C-alpha atoms as a PDB file:
ATOM      1  CA  MET A   1       4.661 -25.204  -9.867  1.00  0.00           C
ATOM      2  CA  GLY A   2       5.746 -26.326 -12.750  1.00  0.00           C
ATOM      3  CA  GLU A   3       9.083 -27.215 -14.412  1.00  0.00           C
ATOM      4  CA  THR A   4       9.317 -23.816 -16.456  1.00  0.00           C
ATOM      5  CA  ALA A   5       7.413 -20.811 -15.554  1.00  0.00           C
ATOM      6  CA  LEU A   6       7.372 -16.914 -16.773  1.00  0.00           C
ATOM      7  CA  LEU A   7       7.685 -14.429 -15.020  1.00  0.00           C
ATOM      8  CA  GLY A   8       6.582 -10.874 -15.754  1.00  0.00           C
ATOM      9  CA  ASP A   9       7.424  -7.263 -13.951  1.00  0.00           C
ATOM     10  CA  ILE A  10       5.349  -4.957 -16.142  1.00  0.00           C
ATOM     11  CA  GLY A  11       5.870  -1.235 -15.470  1.00  0.00           C
ATOM     12  CA  GLY A  12       4.675   1.845 -16.979  1.00  0.00           C
ATOM     13  CA  THR A  13       7.898   2.156 -18.786  1.00  0.00           C
ATOM     14  CA  ASN A  14       9.576  -1.334 -19.573  1.00  0.00           C
ATOM     15  CA  ALA A  15       8.455  -4.582 -18.904  1.00  0.00           C
ATOM     16  CA  ARG A  16      10.780  -7.691 -17.550  1.00  0.00           C
ATOM     17  CA  PHE A  17      10.282 -11.033 -18.481  1.00  0.00           C
ATOM     18  CA  ALA A  18      12.530 -13.995 -17.301  1.00  0.00           C
ATOM     19  CA  LEU A  19      12.090 -18.231 -17.047  1.00  0.00           C
ATOM     20  CA  SER A  20      12.326 -19.643 -13.859  1.00  0.00           C
ATOM     21  CA  ARG A  21      13.626 -23.309 -14.152  1.00  0.00           C
ATOM     22  CA  ASN A  22      12.778 -25.695 -11.107  1.00  0.00           C
ATOM     23  CA  GLY A  23      12.047 -23.023  -8.993  1.00  0.00           C
ATOM     24  CA  ARG A  24      15.081 -20.945 -10.026  1.00  0.00           C
ATOM     25  CA  ILE A  25      15.157 -17.467 -12.066  1.00  0.00           C
ATOM     26  CA  ASP A  26      17.603 -18.513 -15.627  1.00  0.00           C
ATOM     27  CA  PRO A  27      19.534 -14.981 -15.597  1.00  0.00           C
ATOM     28  CA  GLN A  28      20.294 -16.088 -19.241  1.00  0.00           C
ATOM     29  CA  THR A  29      16.609 -16.023 -20.161  1.00  0.00           C
ATOM     30  CA  ARG A  30      16.190 -12.157 -18.979  1.00  0.00           C
ATOM     31  CA  ILE A  31      14.244  -9.885 -22.041  1.00  0.00           C
ATOM     32  CA  THR A  32      13.278  -6.115 -21.383  1.00  0.00           C
ATOM     33  CA  LEU A  33      10.945  -4.945 -23.865  1.00  0.00           C
ATOM     34  CA  ARG A  34      10.190  -1.151 -24.148  1.00  0.00           C
ATOM     35  CA  ASN A  35       6.440  -0.619 -23.769  1.00  0.00           C
ATOM     36  CA  ASP A  36       6.057   2.200 -26.458  1.00  0.00           C
ATOM     37  CA  ASP A  37       7.426  -0.477 -28.962  1.00  0.00           C
ATOM     38  CA  HIS A  38       3.930  -2.307 -28.289  1.00  0.00           C
ATOM     39  CA  PRO A  39       0.361  -1.086 -28.604  1.00  0.00           C
ATOM     40  CA  THR A  40      -0.883  -3.812 -26.826  1.00  0.00           C
ATOM     41  CA  PHE A  41      -0.152  -5.675 -23.755  1.00  0.00           C
ATOM     42  CA  ALA A  42      -0.868  -8.935 -25.574  1.00  0.00           C
ATOM     43  CA  GLU A  43       1.533  -8.024 -28.669  1.00  0.00           C
ATOM     44  CA  ALA A  44       4.284  -7.776 -25.749  1.00  0.00           C
ATOM     45  CA  LEU A  45       3.729 -11.044 -24.381  1.00  0.00           C
ATOM     46  CA  ASP A  46       3.778 -12.840 -27.836  1.00  0.00           C
ATOM     47  CA  GLU A  47       7.020 -11.603 -28.600  1.00  0.00           C
ATOM     48  CA  VAL A  48       8.331 -12.852 -25.168  1.00  0.00           C
ATOM     49  CA  VAL A  49       6.495 -16.005 -25.330  1.00  0.00           C
ATOM     50  CA  SER A  50       7.862 -16.525 -29.279  1.00  0.00           C
ATOM     51  CA  ARG A  51      11.241 -15.768 -27.928  1.00  0.00           C
ATOM     52  CA  LEU A  52      11.690 -18.285 -24.787  1.00  0.00           C
ATOM     53  CA  GLY A  53       9.219 -20.911 -26.098  1.00  0.00           C
ATOM     54  CA  ALA A  54       6.283 -22.580 -24.150  1.00  0.00           C
ATOM     55  CA  VAL A  55       5.677 -22.626 -20.705  1.00  0.00           C
ATOM     56  CA  ASP A  56       4.728 -24.527 -17.663  1.00  0.00           C
ATOM     57  CA  ALA A  57       2.721 -21.299 -15.470  1.00  0.00           C
ATOM     58  CA  ILE A  58       2.714 -17.762 -15.824  1.00  0.00           C
ATOM     59  CA  ALA A  59       2.973 -14.709 -13.250  1.00  0.00           C
ATOM     60  CA  LEU A  60       3.047 -11.235 -13.627  1.00  0.00           C
ATOM     61  CA  ALA A  61       3.636  -8.479 -11.519  1.00  0.00           C
ATOM     62  CA  VAL A  62       1.531  -5.195 -12.871  1.00  0.00           C
ATOM     63  CA  ALA A  63       1.762  -1.737 -12.250  1.00  0.00           C
ATOM     64  CA  GLY A  64      -1.898  -1.256 -11.059  1.00  0.00           C
ATOM     65  CA  PRO A  65      -4.705  -2.611  -9.065  1.00  0.00           C
ATOM     66  CA  VAL A  66      -6.174  -5.898 -10.203  1.00  0.00           C
ATOM     67  CA  ASN A  67     -10.069  -6.252 -10.237  1.00  0.00           C
ATOM     68  CA  GLY A  68     -11.596  -9.278 -11.070  1.00  0.00           C
ATOM     69  CA  GLY A  69      -8.513 -10.892 -12.914  1.00  0.00           C
ATOM     70  CA  ARG A  70      -7.798  -7.892 -15.002  1.00  0.00           C
ATOM     71  CA  VAL A  71      -5.839  -4.654 -14.619  1.00  0.00           C
ATOM     72  CA  ARG A  72      -6.317  -1.548 -16.934  1.00  0.00           C
ATOM     73  CA  MET A  73      -2.536   0.013 -16.090  1.00  0.00           C
ATOM     74  CA  THR A  74      -3.060   3.753 -14.578  1.00  0.00           C
ATOM     75  CA  ASN A  75      -0.094   5.189 -16.646  1.00  0.00           C
ATOM     76  CA  ARG A  76      -0.207   2.953 -20.085  1.00  0.00           C
ATOM     77  CA  ASP A  77      -3.249   2.287 -21.953  1.00  0.00           C
ATOM     78  CA  TRP A  78      -2.869  -1.655 -21.448  1.00  0.00           C
ATOM     79  CA  VAL A  79      -5.096  -4.038 -19.922  1.00  0.00           C
ATOM     80  CA  VAL A  80      -3.598  -7.149 -18.850  1.00  0.00           C
ATOM     81  CA  GLU A  81      -6.097 -10.069 -18.439  1.00  0.00           C
ATOM     82  CA  GLU A  82      -5.769 -13.772 -16.602  1.00  0.00           C
ATOM     83  CA  THR A  83      -8.116 -14.987 -19.165  1.00  0.00           C
ATOM     84  CA  TYR A  84      -5.291 -14.101 -22.041  1.00  0.00           C
ATOM     85  CA  LEU A  85      -2.613 -15.276 -20.274  1.00  0.00           C
ATOM     86  CA  ALA A  86      -4.056 -18.610 -19.808  1.00  0.00           C
ATOM     87  CA  THR A  87      -4.212 -19.147 -23.444  1.00  0.00           C
ATOM     88  CA  ARG A  88      -0.544 -18.800 -23.622  1.00  0.00           C
ATOM     89  CA  THR A  89      -0.021 -21.688 -20.984  1.00  0.00           C
ATOM     90  CA  SER A  90      -1.620 -24.991 -19.714  1.00  0.00           C
ATOM     91  CA  GLY A  91      -0.677 -24.635 -16.065  1.00  0.00           C
ATOM     92  CA  PRO A  92      -1.330 -22.072 -13.444  1.00  0.00           C
ATOM     93  CA  VAL A  93      -1.661 -18.463 -13.971  1.00  0.00           C
ATOM     94  CA  ARG A  94      -0.774 -15.668 -11.287  1.00  0.00           C
ATOM     95  CA  MET A  95      -1.508 -11.944 -11.552  1.00  0.00           C
ATOM     96  CA  MET A  96      -0.707  -9.029  -8.874  1.00  0.00           C
ATOM     97  CA  ASN A  97       0.036  -5.890  -8.443  1.00  0.00           C
ATOM     98  CA  ASP A  98       3.991  -4.582  -8.677  1.00  0.00           C
ATOM     99  CA  LEU A  99       4.218  -4.009  -4.918  1.00  0.00           C
ATOM    100  CA  THR A 100       2.196  -7.563  -3.698  1.00  0.00           C
ATOM    101  CA  ALA A 101       5.362  -9.097  -5.519  1.00  0.00           C
ATOM    102  CA  GLN A 102       7.858  -7.077  -3.668  1.00  0.00           C
ATOM    103  CA  VAL A 103       6.200  -7.871  -0.392  1.00  0.00           C
ATOM    104  CA  LEU A 104       6.050 -11.784  -1.368  1.00  0.00           C
ATOM    105  CA  ALA A 105      10.030 -11.615  -2.576  1.00  0.00           C
ATOM    106  CA  VAL A 106      10.648 -10.518   1.009  1.00  0.00           C
ATOM    107  CA  PRO A 107      11.295 -14.328   2.517  1.00  0.00           C
ATOM    108  CA  ASP A 108      13.131 -14.998  -0.623  1.00  0.00           C
ATOM    109  CA  LEU A 109      15.362 -12.122  -0.766  1.00  0.00           C
ATOM    110  CA  ARG A 110      19.132 -12.535  -0.886  1.00  0.00           C
ATOM    111  CA  GLU A 111      22.046 -10.870   1.518  1.00  0.00           C
ATOM    112  CA  THR A 112      23.049  -9.291  -2.104  1.00  0.00           C
ATOM    113  CA  ASP A 113      18.987  -8.097  -2.937  1.00  0.00           C
ATOM    114  CA  ARG A 114      19.080  -5.362  -0.271  1.00  0.00           C
ATOM    115  CA  GLU A 115      20.935  -3.057   1.880  1.00  0.00           C
ATOM    116  CA  VAL A 116      20.265  -2.834   5.524  1.00  0.00           C
ATOM    117  CA  LEU A 117      19.722   0.596   6.943  1.00  0.00           C
ATOM    118  CA  ARG A 118      19.324  -0.438  10.018  1.00  0.00           C
ATOM    119  CA  ALA A 119      20.382  -4.011  11.635  1.00  0.00           C
ATOM    120  CA  GLY A 120      17.319  -4.173  14.453  1.00  0.00           C
ATOM    121  CA  LYS A 121      16.293  -7.035  15.826  1.00  0.00           C
ATOM    122  CA  PRO A 122      13.302  -8.772  13.937  1.00  0.00           C
ATOM    123  CA  VAL A 123      10.621 -11.246  15.434  1.00  0.00           C
ATOM    124  CA  PRO A 124      10.741 -14.501  14.034  1.00  0.00           C
ATOM    125  CA  GLY A 125       7.798 -15.227  12.092  1.00  0.00           C
ATOM    126  CA  GLY A 126       6.691 -11.483  12.505  1.00  0.00           C
ATOM    127  CA  GLN A 127       4.908  -9.531   9.608  1.00  0.00           C
ATOM    128  CA  TRP A 128       6.849  -7.211   7.342  1.00  0.00           C
ATOM    129  CA  LEU A 129       6.027  -3.942   5.648  1.00  0.00           C
ATOM    130  CA  VAL A 130       7.060  -3.139   2.030  1.00  0.00           C
ATOM    131  CA  VAL A 131       6.811   0.776   1.334  1.00  0.00           C
ATOM    132  CA  ASN A 132       7.222   1.640  -2.347  1.00  0.00           C
ATOM    133  CA  CYS A 133       8.248   5.114  -3.220  1.00  0.00           C
ATOM    134  CA  GLY A 134       8.746   5.387  -6.740  1.00  0.00           C
ATOM    135  CA  THR A 135       6.683   6.453  -9.777  1.00  0.00           C
ATOM    136  CA  GLY A 136       3.967   6.285  -7.388  1.00  0.00           C
ATOM    137  CA  PHE A 137       3.903   5.780  -3.058  1.00  0.00           C
ATOM    138  CA  ASN A 138       2.213   2.661  -1.447  1.00  0.00           C
ATOM    139  CA  ALA A 139       2.862   0.424   1.460  1.00  0.00           C
ATOM    140  CA  ALA A 140       1.769  -3.217   2.255  1.00  0.00           C
ATOM    141  CA  PRO A 141       2.370  -5.618   4.980  1.00  0.00           C
ATOM    142  CA  GLY A 142       3.423  -9.336   4.523  1.00  0.00           C
ATOM    143  CA  LEU A 143       3.050 -12.492   6.690  1.00  0.00           C
ATOM    144  CA  HIS A 144       3.815 -16.206   7.133  1.00  0.00           C
ATOM    145  CA  HIS A 145       1.119 -18.281   6.168  1.00  0.00           C
ATOM    146  CA  GLY A 146       1.177 -21.998   6.626  1.00  0.00           C
ATOM    147  CA  LYS A 147       4.182 -23.026   4.333  1.00  0.00           C
ATOM    148  CA  GLY A 148       4.072 -19.527   2.415  1.00  0.00           C
ATOM    149  CA  CYS A 149       3.270 -16.023   2.664  1.00  0.00           C
ATOM    150  CA  ALA A 150       0.595 -13.619   1.725  1.00  0.00           C
ATOM    151  CA  ALA A 151       0.649 -10.152   0.966  1.00  0.00           C
ATOM    152  CA  LEU A 152      -2.277  -7.518   1.781  1.00  0.00           C
ATOM    153  CA  THR A 153      -3.946  -5.596  -1.070  1.00  0.00           C
ATOM    154  CA  THR A 154      -3.692  -1.660  -0.180  1.00  0.00           C
ATOM    155  CA  GLU A 155      -3.902   1.851  -1.558  1.00  0.00           C
ATOM    156  CA  VAL A 156      -2.090   3.842   0.912  1.00  0.00           C
ATOM    157  CA  GLY A 157      -1.162   6.377  -1.524  1.00  0.00           C
ATOM    158  CA  MET A 158      -4.584   7.763  -2.056  1.00  0.00           C
ATOM    159  CA  CYS A 159      -5.262   8.091   1.358  1.00  0.00           C
ATOM    160  CA  VAL A 160      -5.171  12.221   2.398  1.00  0.00           C
ATOM    161  CA  LEU A 161      -1.666  13.060   4.041  1.00  0.00           C
ATOM    162  CA  PRO A 162      -1.648  12.875   7.820  1.00  0.00           C
ATOM    163  CA  ALA A 163      -2.166  15.892   9.599  1.00  0.00           C
ATOM    164  CA  ARG A 164       1.393  15.757  10.755  1.00  0.00           C
ATOM    165  CA  ILE A 165       3.013  16.139   7.376  1.00  0.00           C
ATOM    166  CA  ALA A 166       0.493  18.532   6.533  1.00  0.00           C
ATOM    167  CA  ASP A 167       1.523  20.891   9.108  1.00  0.00           C
ATOM    168  CA  ARG A 168       5.004  20.401   8.200  1.00  0.00           C
ATOM    169  CA  LEU A 169       4.228  21.410   4.708  1.00  0.00           C
ATOM    170  CA  ARG A 170       2.700  24.428   5.845  1.00  0.00           C
ATOM    171  CA  ALA A 171       5.138  25.757   8.230  1.00  0.00           C
ATOM    172  CA  SER A 172       7.439  25.537   5.100  1.00  0.00           C
ATOM    173  CA  ASN A 173       4.989  27.330   2.754  1.00  0.00           C
ATOM    174  CA  TYR A 174       4.697  24.670   0.863  1.00  0.00           C
ATOM    175  CA  PRO A 175       1.225  23.639  -0.891  1.00  0.00           C
ATOM    176  CA  VAL A 176      -0.617  20.416   0.491  1.00  0.00           C
ATOM    177  CA  PRO A 177      -1.103  17.864  -1.866  1.00  0.00           C
ATOM    178  CA  ALA A 178      -4.200  16.044  -1.527  1.00  0.00           C
ATOM    179  CA  THR A 179      -2.986  12.500  -1.442  1.00  0.00           C
ATOM    180  CA  CYS A 180       0.142  10.587  -0.039  1.00  0.00           C
ATOM    181  CA  ASP A 181       1.080   9.708  -4.058  1.00  0.00           C
ATOM    182  CA  GLU A 182       1.100  13.121  -5.183  1.00  0.00           C
ATOM    183  CA  LEU A 183       3.632  14.128  -2.446  1.00  0.00           C
ATOM    184  CA  LEU A 184       5.775  10.823  -1.734  1.00  0.00           C
ATOM    185  CA  SER A 185       6.707   9.962  -5.446  1.00  0.00           C
ATOM    186  CA  GLY A 186       8.554  10.982  -7.808  1.00  0.00           C
ATOM    187  CA  ARG A 187       6.579  13.767  -9.019  1.00  0.00           C
ATOM    188  CA  GLY A 188       5.942  14.928  -5.424  1.00  0.00           C
ATOM    189  CA  LEU A 189      10.110  15.008  -4.830  1.00  0.00           C
ATOM    190  CA  SER A 190      10.437  16.921  -8.250  1.00  0.00           C
ATOM    191  CA  GLY A 191       7.908  19.769  -7.692  1.00  0.00           C
ATOM    192  CA  MET A 192       9.043  20.130  -4.234  1.00  0.00           C
ATOM    193  CA  ARG A 193      12.446  20.674  -5.441  1.00  0.00           C
ATOM    194  CA  HIS A 194      11.115  23.124  -8.037  1.00  0.00           C
ATOM    195  CA  VAL A 195       9.582  24.923  -5.593  1.00  0.00           C
ATOM    196  CA  LEU A 196      12.230  24.940  -2.148  1.00  0.00           C
ATOM    197  CA  GLY A 197      15.378  24.566  -4.234  1.00  0.00           C
ATOM    198  CA  ALA A 198      18.254  22.990  -2.200  1.00  0.00           C
ATOM    199  CA  GLY A 199      15.973  22.567   1.247  1.00  0.00           C
ATOM    200  CA  ALA A 200      13.553  19.923  -0.522  1.00  0.00           C
ATOM    201  CA  ASP A 201      15.064  16.725   0.197  1.00  0.00           C
ATOM    202  CA  THR A 202      15.643  17.426   3.994  1.00  0.00           C
ATOM    203  CA  LEU A 203      11.450  18.295   3.971  1.00  0.00           C
ATOM    204  CA  PHE A 204      11.092  14.890   1.529  1.00  0.00           C
ATOM    205  CA  ALA A 205      12.856  12.964   4.351  1.00  0.00           C
ATOM    206  CA  HIS A 206      11.064  14.670   7.119  1.00  0.00           C
ATOM    207  CA  CYS A 207       7.557  13.513   5.391  1.00  0.00           C
ATOM    208  CA  LEU A 208       8.813  10.605   4.626  1.00  0.00           C
ATOM    209  CA  ALA A 209       9.872   9.468   7.831  1.00  0.00           C
ATOM    210  CA  ASP A 210       6.477  10.921   9.391  1.00  0.00           C
ATOM    211  CA  MET A 211       4.701   8.376   6.756  1.00  0.00           C
ATOM    212  CA  LEU A 212       7.139   5.609   7.704  1.00  0.00           C
ATOM    213  CA  ARG A 213       6.358   6.052  11.685  1.00  0.00           C
ATOM    214  CA  ASP A 214       2.592   5.904  10.793  1.00  0.00           C
ATOM    215  CA  GLN A 215       2.638   2.921   8.770  1.00  0.00           C
ATOM    216  CA  ILE A 216       4.493   1.466  11.461  1.00  0.00           C
ATOM    217  CA  TYR A 217       2.491   1.893  14.323  1.00  0.00           C
ATOM    218  CA  ALA A 218      -0.653   1.023  11.690  1.00  0.00           C
ATOM    219  CA  MET A 219       1.124  -2.546  10.673  1.00  0.00           C
ATOM    220  CA  MET A 220       3.308  -3.463  13.747  1.00  0.00           C
ATOM    221  CA  PRO A 221       5.988  -5.234  11.480  1.00  0.00           C
ATOM    222  CA  GLN A 222       8.064  -6.787  13.835  1.00  0.00           C
ATOM    223  CA  GLY A 223       9.703  -8.892  10.807  1.00  0.00           C
ATOM    224  CA  GLY A 224      10.977  -5.753   9.475  1.00  0.00           C
ATOM    225  CA  VAL A 225      10.551  -2.800   7.307  1.00  0.00           C
ATOM    226  CA  TYR A 226      12.016  -2.876   3.810  1.00  0.00           C
ATOM    227  CA  LEU A 227      11.642   0.020   0.942  1.00  0.00           C
ATOM    228  CA  CYS A 228      11.774  -0.441  -2.809  1.00  0.00           C
ATOM    229  CA  GLY A 229      11.633   1.886  -5.158  1.00  0.00           C
ATOM    230  CA  GLY A 230      13.648   4.929  -7.472  1.00  0.00           C
ATOM    231  CA  VAL A 231      12.976   7.419  -5.521  1.00  0.00           C
ATOM    232  CA  ALA A 232      13.584   5.629  -1.835  1.00  0.00           C
ATOM    233  CA  ARG A 233      16.725   4.657  -3.131  1.00  0.00           C
ATOM    234  CA  ALA A 234      17.751   8.270  -4.215  1.00  0.00           C
ATOM    235  CA  VAL A 235      16.947   9.413  -0.970  1.00  0.00           C
ATOM    236  CA  PHE A 236      18.853   6.997   0.932  1.00  0.00           C
ATOM    237  CA  GLU A 237      22.034   7.272  -1.224  1.00  0.00           C
ATOM    238  CA  GLY A 238      22.095  11.169   0.014  1.00  0.00           C
ATOM    239  CA  ARG A 239      22.099  13.265   2.976  1.00  0.00           C
ATOM    240  CA  ALA A 240      18.694  12.865   3.877  1.00  0.00           C
ATOM    241  CA  ARG A 241      19.353   9.268   4.615  1.00  0.00           C
ATOM    242  CA  ASP A 242      20.410  10.655   7.697  1.00  0.00           C
ATOM    243  CA  VAL A 243      17.397  12.262   8.368  1.00  0.00           C
ATOM    244  CA  VAL A 244      15.163   9.218   8.079  1.00  0.00           C
ATOM    245  CA  LEU A 245      17.110   7.025   9.935  1.00  0.00           C
ATOM    246  CA  ALA A 246      17.626   9.498  13.137  1.00  0.00           C
ATOM    247  CA  ARG A 247      13.467  10.049  13.158  1.00  0.00           C
ATOM    248  CA  LEU A 248      12.804   6.371  12.833  1.00  0.00           C
ATOM    249  CA  ALA A 249      15.453   6.037  15.901  1.00  0.00           C
ATOM    250  CA  GLU A 250      13.162   8.157  18.183  1.00  0.00           C
ATOM    251  CA  ALA A 251      11.343   6.299  20.929  1.00  0.00           C
ATOM    252  CA  TYR A 252       8.160   4.785  19.825  1.00  0.00           C
ATOM    253  CA  ALA A 253       6.048   5.223  22.744  1.00  0.00           C
ATOM    254  CA  PRO A 254       3.706   3.825  23.775  1.00  0.00           C
ATOM    255  CA  TYR A 255       5.852   0.788  22.076  1.00  0.00           C
ATOM    256  CA  PRO A 256       9.384   1.160  22.734  1.00  0.00           C
ATOM    257  CA  PHE A 257       9.801  -2.077  21.087  1.00  0.00           C
ATOM    258  CA  LEU A 258       9.331  -0.831  17.483  1.00  0.00           C
ATOM    259  CA  LYS A 259      12.441   1.443  17.833  1.00  0.00           C
ATOM    260  CA  ASP A 260      14.621  -2.082  17.240  1.00  0.00           C
ATOM    261  CA  LEU A 261      12.958  -2.860  14.025  1.00  0.00           C
ATOM    262  CA  PRO A 262      15.185  -3.812  10.927  1.00  0.00           C
ATOM    263  CA  VAL A 263      15.109  -1.586   7.954  1.00  0.00           C
ATOM    264  CA  SER A 264      16.141  -2.294   5.059  1.00  0.00           C
ATOM    265  CA  LEU A 265      16.418  -0.935   1.002  1.00  0.00           C
ATOM    266  CA  ILE A 266      15.599  -3.703  -1.552  1.00  0.00           C
ATOM    267  CA  THR A 267      18.217  -2.946  -3.772  1.00  0.00           C
ATOM    268  CA  ALA A 268      17.442  -6.252  -6.509  1.00  0.00           C
ATOM    269  CA  ASP A 269      16.168  -5.097  -9.619  1.00  0.00           C
ATOM    270  CA  ASP A 270      14.243  -8.578 -10.129  1.00  0.00           C
ATOM    271  CA  ALA A 271      12.846  -8.578  -6.799  1.00  0.00           C
ATOM    272  CA  ALA A 272       9.114  -8.610  -8.108  1.00  0.00           C
ATOM    273  CA  LEU A 273      10.248 -11.443 -10.235  1.00  0.00           C
ATOM    274  CA  ILE A 274      11.523 -13.083  -7.464  1.00  0.00           C
ATOM    275  CA  GLY A 275       7.529 -12.433  -5.719  1.00  0.00           C
ATOM    276  CA  CYS A 276       6.455 -14.100  -8.757  1.00  0.00           C
ATOM    277  CA  GLN A 277       7.934 -16.917  -8.464  1.00  0.00           C
ATOM    278  CA  ALA A 278       6.841 -17.237  -4.607  1.00  0.00           C
ATOM    279  CA  ALA A 279       3.256 -16.701  -6.044  1.00  0.00           C
ATOM    280  CA  LEU A 280       3.537 -20.472  -7.795  1.00  0.00           C
ATOM    281  CA  ARG A 281       4.217 -22.039  -5.344  1.00  0.00           C
END
């Protein structure tokens, strides 16, 4: 990695940037831009570079799937391209989905960057699972790869809801959404509260716990489970927290060792930047 790298977390509402100097994020260089103030991503990036100066590398996490070095953001009319990033630096360029950045950040998280929800017993060198429950929903595993780590590209949120969750919703007289993203997200929780009122958070927590159990079986994350996103924070700050943790503590037949998986909530606002830095190694 070059001595000075520009790291960015490009969300639907705001874009956050900071410089990494010799492998350490410099908090004094943090910049947050309101996306509405910039018609295009290029204009936003040009402003940041003009304020922070030339860099030796660029790594960005973007809210959208990366395809052929290009992202068309799903909730904003912005296009982000690696070819344009390359015009702003003479060094390496990395662009990734924002969940990928969260996954890559896990090995470098400090104790203050996460809240331990259940201590558990992580398996050294085991793969881990990051579940984002925020504006949208997705889940992806990370694994150790040589001297670094790697994240798999996924779109779990676009999958059909598992039958167990659909049955739970029908039993509560709640309409079954078409996809996981439509339910286990900010708009999903908001819609459930509008229809069910006080009982919405408990039902949402049961649905989230069902999904977590399915993902744990699918991904076998013996290195731990990490949740991130504003909705996940809201769930684990309220009474619904006990519902999710109690469900996860139930036996995982036929794999009882999975009940000891550590579970944490990523609380660091700059976790995506930490992941971007890791991608440049």
